Amino acid sequence: MEQPELVGGALCLDVANSVDGRVLDVPLDYLTSYADLVDWARRAGGLSSAQAEVLLTRADADPAAATDELVRARALRESVFNLFYGHAKDGVADPGHLAAVQEAYTDALRHGSLEPAGDGLRWTWEPDLRLPRWLVAQSAIELATSGAFGRVKACASQDGCQYLFVDTSKNGSRRWCSMSDCGNQAKSRRLTARRRADRAR
């Protein structure tokens, strides 16, 4: 399956965007296996190739545990999506979804440790099937508690795209998840409407 462009600007948003066409009766879910989850997290910059290989090896050794973890990761993904989408559209952070993200983050903190990194320290985890979920939770908390929380937007496409992204434009005017996709579709619709209006006149 061809992988879509990652447009979120943060690991948690890129993972939240791993469902396409949420408004459809049967959305397209790109995370149908634990291997999909690992690959998506790697593409989004959360995992190194070496970490991904270790996780896939562990998943092969314990497929039942990997499947269970996929279910948990997908549940967290939905909480992350609803938390940021709700805030982007209505300015409200749903307490239930916020609690789910916080619970995942608290679990991540219990299993992590600080280690030297250059001139400072970094938070890290041993390779564990839960690592992608922990990284998503960490990313969500960091984004939600940063000044960028208010810059998280949902794509303005009229076709039902609900992809989330961090608007890093200077004047906060970005409307589309991707100009090469939804942005161009919107421009094409406006051009078609303008031509029809011109012909009508």
Protein backbone atom coordinates (compact mmCIF):
# COMPACT_ATOMS: atom_id res chain seq x y z
CA MET A 1 0.00 0.00 0.00
CA GLU A 2 1.37 3.42 -0.95
CA GLN A 3 2.15 5.50 2.12
CA PRO A 4 0.78 9.05 2.28
CA GLU A 5 2.87 12.14 2.92
CA LEU A 6 3.49 12.86 6.61
CA VAL A 7 2.28 16.41 7.19
CA GLY A 8 1.65 16.68 10.93
CA GLY A 9 4.88 18.32 12.02
CA ALA A 10 4.89 16.26 15.24
CA LEU A 11 5.10 12.52 15.82
CA CYS A 12 1.78 12.37 17.65
CA LEU A 13 -0.05 14.17 14.83
CA ASP A 14 1.57 12.06 12.12
CA VAL A 15 0.39 8.93 13.94
CA ALA A 16 -3.07 10.45 14.46
CA ASN A 17 -3.17 10.99 10.69
CA SER A 18 -2.66 7.27 10.02
CA VAL A 19 -6.41 6.99 9.40
CA ASP A 20 -7.55 8.41 6.07
CA GLY A 21 -11.13 9.43 5.37
CA ARG A 22 -12.45 9.46 8.92
CA VAL A 23 -15.76 10.85 7.64
CA LEU A 24 -16.33 7.77 5.48
CA ASP A 25 -18.33 4.73 6.55
CA VAL A 26 -15.16 2.64 6.21
CA PRO A 27 -12.06 4.79 6.75
CA LEU A 28 -8.67 3.58 5.54
CA ASP A 29 -6.50 2.56 8.49
CA TYR A 30 -2.82 2.33 7.66
CA LEU A 31 -1.99 0.58 10.94
CA THR A 32 -3.28 -2.95 10.43
CA SER A 33 -0.31 -4.75 11.98
CA TYR A 34 2.36 -4.10 14.56
CA ALA A 35 4.88 -3.89 11.71
CA ASP A 36 2.79 -1.06 10.22
CA LEU A 37 2.92 0.77 13.55
CA VAL A 38 6.69 0.44 13.79
CA ASP A 39 7.21 1.53 10.19
CA TRP A 40 4.92 4.54 10.62
CA ALA A 41 6.72 5.63 13.79
CA ARG A 42 10.05 5.24 12.01
CA ARG A 43 8.93 7.29 9.01
CA ALA A 44 7.66 9.99 11.38
CA GLY A 45 11.07 10.23 13.03
CA GLY A 46 10.20 8.56 16.33
CA LEU A 47 12.29 5.43 15.84
CA SER A 48 15.67 4.80 14.30
CA SER A 49 16.04 1.99 11.77
CA ALA A 50 17.99 0.01 14.36
CA GLN A 51 15.24 0.42 16.97
CA ALA A 52 12.63 -0.59 14.42
CA GLU A 53 14.52 -3.78 13.59
CA VAL A 54 14.74 -4.72 17.27
CA LEU A 55 11.01 -4.16 17.78
CA LEU A 56 10.09 -6.20 14.71
CA THR A 57 12.28 -9.05 15.93
CA ARG A 58 10.55 -8.97 19.31
CA ALA A 59 7.15 -8.84 17.64
CA ASP A 60 8.00 -11.93 15.58
CA ALA A 61 8.99 -13.72 18.80
CA ASP A 62 5.72 -12.82 20.54
CA PRO A 63 3.02 -12.08 17.95
CA ALA A 64 0.18 -12.18 20.49
CA ALA A 65 1.80 -9.47 22.60
CA ALA A 66 2.50 -7.41 19.48
CA THR A 67 -1.14 -7.64 18.42
CA ASP A 68 -2.29 -6.58 21.88
CA GLU A 69 0.07 -3.62 21.77
CA LEU A 70 -1.23 -2.60 18.35
CA VAL A 71 -4.73 -2.43 19.83
CA ARG A 72 -3.49 -0.18 22.66
CA ALA A 73 -1.52 2.02 20.28
CA ARG A 74 -4.53 2.48 18.01
CA ALA A 75 -6.68 3.40 21.02
CA LEU A 76 -4.13 6.03 22.06
CA ARG A 77 -4.03 7.29 18.47
CA GLU A 78 -7.78 7.93 18.60
CA SER A 79 -7.46 9.77 21.90
CA VAL A 80 -4.67 11.90 20.47
CA PHE A 81 -6.69 12.67 17.35
CA ASN A 82 -9.83 13.60 19.26
CA LEU A 83 -7.90 15.69 21.77
CA PHE A 84 -6.15 17.83 19.16
CA TYR A 85 -8.98 17.85 16.62
CA GLY A 86 -11.46 18.97 19.27
CA HIS A 87 -9.17 21.76 20.39
CA ALA A 88 -8.43 22.81 16.80
CA LYS A 89 -12.11 22.98 15.81
CA ASP A 90 -13.84 24.02 19.03
CA GLY A 91 -11.08 25.22 21.34
CA VAL A 92 -11.92 22.45 23.81
CA ALA A 93 -9.61 19.75 25.19
CA ASP A 94 -11.88 16.80 25.98
CA PRO A 95 -11.16 15.58 29.55
CA GLY A 96 -11.60 11.91 28.67
CA HIS A 97 -9.13 11.94 25.81
CA LEU A 98 -6.76 14.13 27.79
CA ALA A 99 -6.84 11.57 30.62
CA ALA A 100 -6.08 8.73 28.19
CA VAL A 101 -3.05 10.55 26.80
CA GLN A 102 -1.87 11.41 30.29
CA GLU A 103 -2.24 7.80 31.42
CA ALA A 104 -0.10 6.59 28.51
CA TYR A 105 2.50 9.23 29.27
CA THR A 106 2.59 8.31 32.96
CA ASP A 107 3.12 4.68 31.98
CA ALA A 108 5.97 5.75 29.70
CA LEU A 109 7.65 7.70 32.49
CA ARG A 110 7.54 4.69 34.79
CA HIS A 111 9.58 2.65 32.32
CA GLY A 112 12.08 5.24 31.11
CA SER A 113 15.38 6.53 32.40
CA LEU A 114 17.79 9.42 31.95
CA GLU A 115 21.09 8.79 30.22
CA PRO A 116 23.99 11.01 29.15
CA ALA A 117 23.66 12.61 25.72
CA GLY A 118 26.36 15.00 24.60
CA ASP A 119 26.61 17.80 27.16
CA GLY A 120 23.27 16.93 28.75
CA LEU A 121 20.82 14.15 29.42
CA ARG A 122 18.02 12.55 27.47
CA TRP A 123 15.00 10.48 28.38
CA THR A 124 15.15 7.01 26.89
CA TRP A 125 13.63 3.55 27.03
CA GLU A 126 14.90 0.04 26.55
CA PRO A 127 13.56 -1.60 23.36
CA ASP A 128 10.03 -2.66 24.24
CA LEU A 129 6.94 -3.44 22.20
CA ARG A 130 5.29 -0.48 23.95
CA LEU A 131 7.92 1.99 22.73
CA PRO A 132 5.93 3.44 19.78
CA ARG A 133 2.97 4.12 22.09
CA TRP A 134 5.21 5.71 24.70
CA LEU A 135 6.80 7.96 22.09
CA VAL A 136 3.40 9.08 20.80
CA ALA A 137 2.26 9.89 24.34
CA GLN A 138 5.45 11.84 25.02
CA SER A 139 5.04 13.78 21.77
CA ALA A 140 1.40 14.58 22.55
CA ILE A 141 2.18 15.88 26.04
CA GLU A 142 5.10 17.96 24.78
CA LEU A 143 2.96 19.46 22.01
CA ALA A 144 -0.02 20.09 24.29
CA THR A 145 2.12 21.89 26.88
CA SER A 146 4.08 23.96 24.40
CA GLY A 147 3.24 27.25 22.79
CA ALA A 148 2.43 25.32 19.62
CA PHE A 149 -0.78 23.81 21.02
CA GLY A 150 -2.85 26.65 19.62
CA ARG A 151 -1.16 26.26 16.25
CA VAL A 152 -2.46 22.73 15.72
CA LYS A 153 -5.05 22.86 12.97
CA ALA A 154 -7.27 20.49 11.02
CA CYS A 155 -7.17 20.55 7.24
CA ALA A 156 -9.81 22.89 5.80
CA SER A 157 -10.54 20.65 2.82
CA GLN A 158 -14.21 20.41 1.89
CA ASP A 159 -13.67 16.76 0.95
CA GLY A 160 -13.59 15.67 4.58
CA CYS A 161 -9.84 15.48 5.13
CA GLN A 162 -9.29 15.81 8.85
CA TYR A 163 -5.51 15.57 8.91
CA LEU A 164 -3.92 17.51 11.74
CA PHE A 165 -0.81 19.66 11.42
CA VAL A 166 1.19 22.30 13.26
CA ASP A 167 0.87 25.61 11.45
CA THR A 168 4.40 27.03 11.44
CA SER A 169 3.65 29.85 9.00
CA LYS A 170 4.61 33.30 10.28
CA ASN A 171 1.08 34.70 10.20
CA GLY A 172 -0.72 31.47 11.12
CA SER A 173 -2.51 31.36 7.77
CA ARG A 174 -1.92 27.75 6.71
CA ARG A 175 -5.23 26.02 5.93
CA TRP A 176 -4.35 22.78 4.17
CA CYS A 177 -2.56 19.66 5.30
CA SER A 178 -0.65 19.77 2.01
CA MET A 179 -0.74 22.28 -0.84
CA SER A 180 0.16 19.47 -3.26
CA ASP A 181 -2.99 17.58 -2.28
CA CYS A 182 -5.91 19.29 -0.54
CA GLY A 183 -4.64 22.80 -1.30
CA ASN A 184 -4.50 22.16 -5.04
CA GLN A 185 -7.92 20.48 -4.95
CA ALA A 186 -9.41 23.58 -3.33
CA LYS A 187 -7.71 25.87 -5.87
CA SER A 188 -9.05 23.71 -8.70
CA ARG A 189 -12.60 23.91 -7.32
CA ARG A 190 -12.41 27.69 -7.02
CA LEU A 191 -11.12 27.97 -10.59
CA THR A 192 -13.91 25.73 -11.89
CA ALA A 193 -16.54 27.74 -10.01
CA ARG A 194 -15.11 31.01 -11.36
CA ARG A 195 -15.20 29.73 -14.94
CA ARG A 196 -18.78 28.55 -14.55
CA ALA A 197 -19.75 31.95 -13.19
CA ASP A 198 -18.01 33.69 -16.09
CA ARG A 199 -19.86 31.47 -18.61
CA ALA A 200 -23.16 32.18 -16.86
CA ARG A 201 -22.60 35.92 -17.21
